[in-house]
Each structure stands twice: as structure tokens, then as C-alpha cells.
Amino acid sequence: MRRGRIFIFLILIVIVGVVVLALGLGLFKPNPQSVATETTGVKVYYASQNIPLGTTITEDMLGTFTLPKENEAEIMFIEDEKANLVSKEAQFTLDQGT
């Protein structure tokens, strides 16, 4: 019984040694095609200051931040919709960051 345990222990040591050696030599490198690609971002507009009701929105009142494409919501104004924001009158009070 004792010889069986020693034999199993030696086999485990050899297996661990082979795996460590393979990792050290770089045999298990990730496939470059399987590495996750960077997600493209979308620039989204937000109010960089408080904009009171009835105020004409100007370009300096707005800021942008980049958001992953999959997190974009339909109610957000993206970079292509700038004309829908600038020179328009605020229909309600916009708090900073909105």
C-alpha cells in the first residue's frame, strides 16, 4: 500500500514538473486571434454645467466622454447628433453631468 502512494506521488510531481517546464518555455502561449479585441467606444454628450430651463444650449455647456458601444442607450446624444443639441432651447433643467 505504501509503495502505491509513493508511486502516485512521484507521478504527480512529474506531471507538475512538465507543466511548469512547458509554461517556462512558453509552449502554452495564447493564440493571437483568440485574444479579446478592444471594443470601440462612442463619444456621448453630457451637460458640463447646470443648464436652466429655456436656456439656449451652446457648445461650451457640453462635455463628452467615451462609452463602450454596447453600453450606449437610445436616449443618449452621441457625437453625430451634435446638431440636435447645440443652439437648441433646454426643455427642462439639466443638472451638471446629465
Protein backbone atom coordinates (compact mmCIF):
# COMPACT_ATOMS: atom_id res chain seq x y z
CA MET A 1 0.00 0.00 0.00
CA ARG A 2 2.80 2.38 0.87
CA ARG A 3 4.53 1.71 -2.48
CA GLY A 4 1.32 2.65 -4.34
CA ARG A 5 1.11 6.01 -2.58
CA ILE A 6 4.74 6.79 -3.32
CA PHE A 7 4.23 5.86 -6.98
CA ILE A 8 1.18 8.18 -7.30
CA PHE A 9 3.08 10.96 -5.52
CA LEU A 10 6.03 10.63 -7.94
CA ILE A 11 3.69 10.68 -10.96
CA LEU A 12 2.06 13.90 -9.67
CA ILE A 13 5.48 15.50 -9.16
CA VAL A 14 6.50 14.59 -12.72
CA ILE A 15 3.25 15.96 -14.18
CA VAL A 16 3.60 19.24 -12.25
CA GLY A 17 7.23 19.49 -13.34
CA VAL A 18 6.33 19.01 -17.01
CA VAL A 19 3.61 21.68 -16.81
CA VAL A 20 5.96 24.15 -15.09
CA LEU A 21 8.66 23.46 -17.67
CA ALA A 22 6.21 23.92 -20.55
CA LEU A 23 4.99 27.21 -19.10
CA GLY A 24 8.57 28.35 -18.57
CA LEU A 25 9.50 27.59 -22.17
CA GLY A 26 6.41 29.39 -23.43
CA LEU A 27 4.75 26.41 -25.05
CA PHE A 28 1.31 27.49 -23.85
CA LYS A 29 1.14 30.92 -25.47
CA PRO A 30 -2.35 32.28 -26.16
CA ASN A 31 -3.46 32.30 -29.76
CA PRO A 32 -3.23 35.92 -31.03
CA GLN A 33 -6.59 35.55 -32.74
CA SER A 34 -8.29 34.45 -29.52
CA VAL A 35 -7.11 37.47 -27.53
CA ALA A 36 -10.03 39.82 -26.93
CA THR A 37 -10.02 42.85 -29.19
CA GLU A 38 -10.59 46.31 -27.86
CA THR A 39 -14.19 47.43 -28.00
CA THR A 40 -14.83 50.55 -29.97
CA GLY A 41 -16.09 53.50 -28.00
CA VAL A 42 -18.75 56.08 -28.67
CA LYS A 43 -18.46 59.72 -27.58
CA VAL A 44 -21.54 60.73 -25.61
CA TYR A 45 -22.52 64.32 -24.75
CA TYR A 46 -23.42 65.42 -21.22
CA ALA A 47 -24.11 68.75 -19.53
CA SER A 48 -20.80 70.03 -18.16
CA GLN A 49 -22.67 72.67 -16.13
CA ASN A 50 -26.19 73.29 -14.89
CA ILE A 51 -28.43 74.37 -17.78
CA PRO A 52 -31.65 76.11 -16.63
CA LEU A 53 -34.99 75.66 -18.39
CA GLY A 54 -35.28 77.82 -21.54
CA THR A 55 -31.53 78.42 -21.91
CA THR A 56 -30.05 78.11 -25.38
CA ILE A 57 -27.50 75.29 -25.27
CA THR A 58 -24.04 76.21 -26.50
CA GLU A 59 -21.05 74.03 -27.28
CA ASP A 60 -19.14 75.16 -24.17
CA MET A 61 -22.00 73.91 -21.94
CA LEU A 62 -21.46 70.35 -23.15
CA GLY A 63 -18.78 67.79 -22.43
CA THR A 64 -18.08 64.36 -23.89
CA PHE A 65 -16.96 61.03 -22.53
CA THR A 66 -16.23 57.74 -24.27
CA LEU A 67 -18.54 54.85 -23.58
CA PRO A 68 -18.25 51.28 -24.92
CA LYS A 69 -20.55 50.77 -27.91
CA GLU A 70 -22.52 48.01 -26.16
CA ASN A 71 -23.39 50.35 -23.24
CA GLU A 72 -24.87 53.06 -25.45
CA ALA A 73 -28.54 53.79 -24.79
CA GLU A 74 -31.01 55.17 -27.30
CA ILE A 75 -31.69 58.27 -25.18
CA MET A 76 -28.03 59.36 -25.26
CA PHE A 77 -26.77 62.00 -27.66
CA ILE A 78 -23.67 60.76 -29.47
CA GLU A 79 -21.07 62.74 -31.39
CA ASP A 80 -23.02 62.53 -34.68
CA GLU A 81 -26.08 64.16 -33.05
CA LYS A 82 -24.33 67.36 -32.01
CA ALA A 83 -26.60 69.44 -34.26
CA ASN A 84 -29.60 68.19 -32.25
CA LEU A 85 -28.14 69.77 -29.09
CA VAL A 86 -26.25 72.97 -29.93
CA SER A 87 -28.39 76.10 -30.44
CA LYS A 88 -31.48 74.33 -29.08
CA GLU A 89 -33.52 75.56 -26.11
CA ALA A 90 -33.49 73.40 -22.97
CA GLN A 91 -36.98 71.95 -22.50
CA PHE A 92 -36.26 71.24 -18.81
CA THR A 93 -33.49 71.97 -16.32
CA LEU A 94 -30.41 69.87 -16.97
CA ASP A 95 -28.20 69.23 -13.97
CA GLN A 96 -24.45 69.04 -14.40
CA GLY A 97 -23.45 65.54 -15.52
CA THR A 98 -26.81 64.76 -17.14
